[in-house]
Protein backbone atom coordinates (compact mmCIF):
# COMPACT_ATOMS: atom_id res chain seq x y z
CA UNK A 1 42.35 156.59 57.57
CA UNK A 2 43.69 158.31 60.79
CA UNK A 3 47.19 156.96 61.26
CA UNK A 4 49.65 158.00 64.02
CA UNK A 5 51.62 159.94 61.66
CA UNK A 6 48.65 161.79 60.52
CA UNK A 7 48.04 163.05 63.84
CA UNK A 8 51.47 163.89 64.61
CA UNK A 9 51.43 165.82 60.93
CA UNK A 10 48.31 167.91 62.20
CA UNK A 11 50.02 168.81 65.35
CA UNK A 12 52.98 170.03 63.53
CA UNK A 13 50.50 171.96 61.15
CA UNK A 14 48.82 173.49 64.41
CA UNK A 15 52.04 174.78 65.85
CA UNK A 16 53.44 176.25 62.48
CA UNK A 17 49.94 177.95 62.65
CA UNK A 18 50.72 179.67 65.71
CA UNK A 19 54.26 180.38 65.52
CA UNK A 20 53.68 181.74 62.07
CA UNK A 21 50.43 182.88 61.35
CA UNK A 22 51.71 184.53 58.37
CA UNK A 23 53.47 182.06 56.51
CA UNK A 24 56.92 180.68 56.89
CA UNK A 25 58.39 183.40 54.96
CA UNK A 26 57.42 185.68 57.55
CA UNK A 27 59.02 186.13 61.00
CA UNK A 28 57.36 184.16 63.70
CA UNK A 29 55.32 185.95 66.27
CA UNK A 30 57.94 186.11 68.70
CA UNK A 31 60.39 187.47 66.32
CA UNK A 32 62.69 184.58 66.79
CA UNK A 33 63.26 181.60 64.09
CA UNK A 34 61.78 178.15 65.14
CA UNK A 35 61.88 175.13 63.19
CA UNK A 36 58.63 172.73 63.86
CA UNK A 37 59.00 169.30 62.78
CA UNK A 38 57.66 165.88 63.74
CA UNK A 39 59.84 163.06 65.30
CA UNK A 40 62.75 163.25 67.82
CA UNK A 41 65.91 165.67 67.28
CA UNK A 42 68.93 164.60 65.48
CA UNK A 43 71.49 165.43 67.77
CA UNK A 44 74.00 166.88 65.33
CA UNK A 45 70.88 168.91 63.58
CA UNK A 46 70.28 170.14 66.83
CA UNK A 47 73.57 171.14 68.43
CA UNK A 48 74.24 173.26 65.02
CA UNK A 49 70.83 175.04 65.22
CA UNK A 50 71.53 176.01 68.76
CA UNK A 51 74.89 176.98 68.56
CA UNK A 52 74.58 179.45 65.64
CA UNK A 53 75.16 182.56 65.77
CA UNK A 54 71.06 183.24 65.45
CA UNK A 55 70.00 180.62 67.18
CA UNK A 56 67.02 178.40 65.76
CA UNK A 57 64.51 176.98 68.18
CA UNK A 58 63.61 173.56 67.60
CA UNK A 59 59.90 172.30 67.95
CA UNK A 60 59.63 168.60 68.02
CA UNK A 61 56.55 166.51 68.14
CA UNK A 62 56.86 163.06 69.17
CA UNK A 63 54.47 160.11 70.05
CA UNK A 64 55.37 158.98 73.72
CA UNK A 65 54.71 155.71 75.09
CA UNK A 66 51.72 156.34 76.00
CA UNK A 67 48.68 155.29 74.68
CA UNK A 68 45.45 153.08 75.59
CA UNK A 69 42.12 151.65 74.03
CA UNK A 70 39.42 154.11 74.46
CA UNK A 71 36.79 152.28 72.01
CA UNK A 72 33.06 152.81 73.23
CA UNK A 73 31.16 151.80 70.28
CA UNK A 74 31.78 151.18 66.55
CA UNK A 75 30.02 153.65 64.36
CA UNK A 76 28.01 152.24 61.19
CA UNK A 77 29.25 153.47 58.00
CA UNK A 78 28.36 157.16 56.98
CA UNK A 79 28.29 159.22 53.96
CA UNK A 80 31.37 161.32 53.59
CA UNK A 81 31.03 162.43 50.21
CA UNK A 82 29.21 161.95 46.85
CA UNK A 83 30.58 163.08 43.40
CA UNK A 84 28.71 164.91 41.04
CA UNK A 85 26.82 163.15 37.85
CA UNK A 86 28.08 164.55 34.28
CA UNK A 87 25.60 162.23 32.65
CA UNK A 88 22.06 161.94 32.43
CA UNK A 89 19.43 160.12 31.08
CA UNK A 90 15.85 161.98 29.68
CA UNK A 91 13.05 159.96 28.65
CA UNK A 92 10.45 160.79 25.79
CA UNK A 93 7.93 158.08 24.29
CA UNK A 94 9.99 155.45 23.13
CA UNK A 95 13.28 156.92 23.23
CA UNK A 96 16.18 157.51 26.40
CA UNK A 97 18.53 160.65 25.35
CA UNK A 98 22.18 160.56 27.09
CA UNK A 99 23.12 163.95 28.23
CA UNK A 100 26.00 165.69 29.43
CA UNK A 101 29.45 164.63 29.23
CA UNK A 102 31.86 161.72 29.98
CA UNK A 103 32.41 161.10 33.60
CA UNK A 104 35.69 162.21 34.91
CA UNK A 105 38.41 159.84 36.32
CA UNK A 106 37.26 157.88 39.60
CA UNK A 107 33.88 158.72 39.21
CA UNK A 108 31.99 155.81 36.96
CA UNK A 109 28.43 156.03 36.28
CA UNK A 110 25.87 153.13 36.23
CA UNK A 111 23.10 154.18 33.86
CA UNK A 112 19.85 152.50 34.22
CA UNK A 113 16.88 152.05 32.21
CA UNK A 114 13.64 149.82 33.26
CA UNK A 115 11.82 148.47 30.03
CA UNK A 116 8.85 146.58 30.97
CA UNK A 117 9.80 146.49 34.50
CA UNK A 118 13.09 144.97 34.03
CA UNK A 119 16.38 146.90 34.64
CA UNK A 120 19.38 147.59 32.07
CA UNK A 121 22.38 148.85 33.30
CA UNK A 122 25.54 149.85 31.56
CA UNK A 123 28.38 151.52 33.26
CA UNK A 124 29.81 154.51 31.64
CA UNK A 125 33.95 155.56 32.38
CA UNK A 126 35.71 158.36 31.73
CA UNK A 127 36.04 156.86 28.02
CA UNK A 128 32.29 157.05 27.39
CA UNK A 129 30.56 160.11 25.84
CA UNK A 130 27.09 159.86 25.57
CA UNK A 131 27.27 158.56 22.05
CA UNK A 132 29.44 155.62 23.16
CA UNK A 133 26.99 155.33 26.44
CA UNK A 134 23.85 155.68 24.26
CA UNK A 135 25.13 152.65 22.22
CA UNK A 136 25.96 150.34 25.13
CA UNK A 137 22.64 151.02 26.46
CA UNK A 138 20.59 149.89 23.58
CA UNK A 139 23.13 146.62 23.06
CA UNK A 140 22.10 145.74 26.31
CA UNK A 141 18.11 146.34 25.76
CA UNK A 142 18.22 144.61 22.42
CA UNK A 143 19.07 141.17 23.93
CA UNK A 144 15.28 141.22 24.98
CA UNK A 145 14.11 143.67 22.63
CA UNK A 146 15.09 143.11 19.19
CA UNK A 147 14.65 146.66 16.84
CA UNK A 148 16.03 148.66 19.77
CA UNK A 149 18.65 151.07 18.31
CA UNK A 150 20.70 154.01 19.24
CA UNK A 151 21.73 156.80 16.95
CA UNK A 152 24.02 159.31 17.96
CA UNK A 153 23.01 159.78 21.99
CA UNK A 154 19.32 158.61 21.49
CA UNK A 155 18.30 155.20 22.18
CA UNK A 156 14.92 154.03 20.58
CA UNK A 157 13.28 151.24 22.54
CA UNK A 158 11.63 148.63 20.58
CA UNK A 159 7.41 149.37 20.18
CA UNK A 160 7.07 145.82 22.47
CA UNK A 161 9.08 147.55 25.31
CA UNK A 162 7.58 150.07 27.54
CA UNK A 163 10.26 152.77 29.28
CA UNK A 164 9.86 153.17 32.95
CA UNK A 165 12.41 154.30 35.34
CA UNK A 166 15.56 155.62 34.61
CA UNK A 167 18.67 156.27 37.22
CA UNK A 168 22.17 157.47 37.02
CA UNK A 169 24.27 155.86 40.00
CA UNK A 170 27.34 157.34 41.05
CA UNK A 171 30.54 156.91 43.29
CA UNK A 172 31.20 158.61 46.64
CA UNK A 173 33.11 157.91 50.26
CA UNK A 174 31.67 156.34 53.11
CA UNK A 175 33.79 156.07 56.48
CA UNK A 176 33.42 153.79 59.52
CA UNK A 177 34.98 153.76 62.87
CA UNK A 178 37.30 150.62 63.50
CA UNK A 179 38.43 151.89 66.97
CA UNK A 180 39.09 154.82 69.07
CA UNK A 181 42.44 155.76 70.99
CA UNK A 182 44.44 158.29 73.09
CA UNK A 183 48.01 158.93 72.03
CA UNK A 184 49.91 160.98 74.11
CA UNK A 185 52.66 163.33 72.00
CA UNK A 186 55.67 164.88 73.71
CA UNK A 187 56.18 168.56 72.04
CA UNK A 188 59.74 169.36 72.77
CA UNK A 189 60.85 172.90 73.17
CA UNK A 190 64.87 172.88 72.52
CA UNK A 191 66.58 176.45 73.21
CA UNK A 192 69.95 178.24 73.42
CA UNK A 193 68.34 179.86 76.58
CA UNK A 194 66.00 179.65 78.93
CA UNK A 195 64.33 183.02 78.15
CA UNK A 196 63.63 181.69 74.68
CA UNK A 197 62.46 178.26 75.67
CA UNK A 198 60.16 179.88 77.93
CA UNK A 199 58.73 182.31 75.44
CA UNK A 200 57.87 179.56 72.70
CA UNK A 201 56.57 177.31 75.42
CA UNK A 202 54.30 180.12 76.76
CA UNK A 203 52.99 180.57 73.27
CA UNK A 204 52.64 177.05 72.11
CA UNK A 205 51.12 175.77 75.45
CA UNK A 206 48.44 178.76 75.44
CA UNK A 207 47.37 178.77 72.38
CA UNK A 208 46.80 174.71 72.60
CA UNK A 209 44.86 174.99 75.51
CA UNK A 210 42.25 177.10 73.61
CA UNK A 211 42.02 174.26 70.82
CA UNK A 212 39.58 171.39 71.95
CA UNK A 213 39.58 169.37 68.75
CA UNK A 214 40.95 169.46 65.43
CA UNK A 215 40.08 168.17 61.98
CA UNK A 216 42.63 165.12 60.80
CA UNK A 217 43.19 164.64 56.92
CA UNK A 218 40.43 161.70 56.55
CA UNK A 219 37.95 164.47 58.27
CA UNK A 220 37.66 162.55 61.60
CA UNK A 221 38.10 164.85 64.61
CA UNK A 222 40.86 164.45 67.37
CA UNK A 223 40.13 165.58 70.80
CA UNK A 224 43.44 167.31 72.41
CA UNK A 225 43.82 167.65 75.97
CA UNK A 226 46.46 168.96 78.23
CA UNK A 227 48.27 165.97 80.37
CA UNK A 228 51.41 167.45 81.97
CA UNK A 229 54.55 169.31 81.57
CA UNK A 230 58.19 168.97 82.36
CA UNK A 231 61.10 171.28 82.23
CA UNK A 232 64.84 170.19 82.36
CA UNK A 233 67.99 172.44 82.28
CA UNK A 234 70.40 169.65 82.48
CA UNK A 235 72.26 170.59 79.39
CA UNK A 236 72.90 174.15 80.03
CA UNK A 237 76.44 173.52 79.52
CA UNK A 238 75.67 172.51 76.00
CA UNK A 239 73.42 175.56 75.72
CA UNK A 240 70.22 173.49 75.44
CA UNK A 241 67.37 174.32 77.60
CA UNK A 242 64.30 172.29 77.37
CA UNK A 243 60.50 171.91 78.19
CA UNK A 244 58.42 169.38 77.15
CA UNK A 245 54.41 169.82 76.83
CA UNK A 246 52.63 166.46 76.97
CA UNK A 247 49.09 166.50 74.89
CA UNK A 248 46.56 163.75 74.77
CA UNK A 249 45.08 163.14 71.31
CA UNK A 250 42.08 160.99 71.05
CA UNK A 251 41.09 159.87 67.65
CA UNK A 252 39.70 157.33 65.70
CA UNK A 253 40.81 154.87 63.30
CA UNK A 254 38.46 155.28 60.74
CA UNK A 255 38.18 153.33 56.99
CA UNK A 256 37.30 155.33 54.28
CA UNK A 257 36.41 153.15 51.07
CA UNK A 258 34.51 154.25 47.77
CA UNK A 259 30.91 153.32 47.45
CA UNK A 260 28.61 152.92 44.37
CA UNK A 261 24.86 154.02 44.50
CA UNK A 262 22.32 151.47 44.20
CA UNK A 263 20.39 151.82 40.84
CA UNK A 264 18.21 148.64 41.01
CA UNK A 265 17.15 145.83 43.40
CA UNK A 266 16.39 142.44 42.35
CA UNK A 267 13.86 139.96 44.81
CA UNK A 268 13.69 136.44 43.67
CA UNK A 269 10.33 135.21 45.67
CA UNK A 270 9.20 131.34 46.06
CA UNK A 271 6.95 129.66 48.43
CA UNK A 272 6.68 126.02 49.59
CA UNK A 273 4.68 124.04 52.17
CA UNK A 274 6.74 122.01 54.35
CA UNK A 275 6.29 118.43 53.75
CA UNK A 276 3.70 118.61 50.99
CA UNK A 277 4.56 120.94 48.27
CA UNK A 278 7.82 121.67 46.64
CA UNK A 279 9.40 124.82 46.39
CA UNK A 280 7.25 126.98 43.87
CA UNK A 281 9.20 130.16 41.68
CA UNK A 282 6.89 133.25 42.42
CA UNK A 283 8.84 135.11 40.06
CA UNK A 284 11.12 138.18 40.20
CA UNK A 285 10.47 142.09 41.01
CA UNK A 286 12.99 144.49 40.67
CA UNK A 287 12.67 147.96 42.33
């Protein structure tokens, strides 16, 4: 779920990529050192950076006390990703063979075998090999079809049962938007001289102006809009020259959850005539 801190971190990373496109082990695009971070500067650290023989410009990213709710509508759940199955089921006459390998941690499989139109489902985790999974399936089916057995990874269903469809359900992630909001972020450029401040401010502001949207850690999109700028030289006696860039970030609070694929549906049907006939069970249908 995208949080205020996620947006702050994403902005820090954006500015870092602008000033240090070749990585922080290489000089900045201005040839001047800079420190980029989220939060408000610590006075002692800021003073030390700016007073050093080779001054280090500080770029701070801080959420300003300006925000509002911009929710227009709430989205339905959407599929974000689906994991890859590692187990499979192969049918041949009265046998079902479990193929593949044990699923990875966090990706349990639901294996479903229809016998006489009734589903039999077992779960396979990272501890379940094809042989172990076949044993689970045989045990489940044998409850209604005595004589069903497993040999290795092969399940042989008793002759009284007719094998129908087989399905493998895996896990994935889904996301839904809970609300939208706008948050203004204050990007502070703190430099030891006005010309250094202006160089950094121009480089950052020009690059951010080209960025309309960027991706947050939960894969949602954040809209970036310039709001205002403010310059201050009131601390020039302390060799501190500052410019603030205010950018509005509009993003969604997204709830991301793990979801499991559906392998079978059960419908219980009944009918009745009000005041005349009692409820009559018409049976169960599986799909």
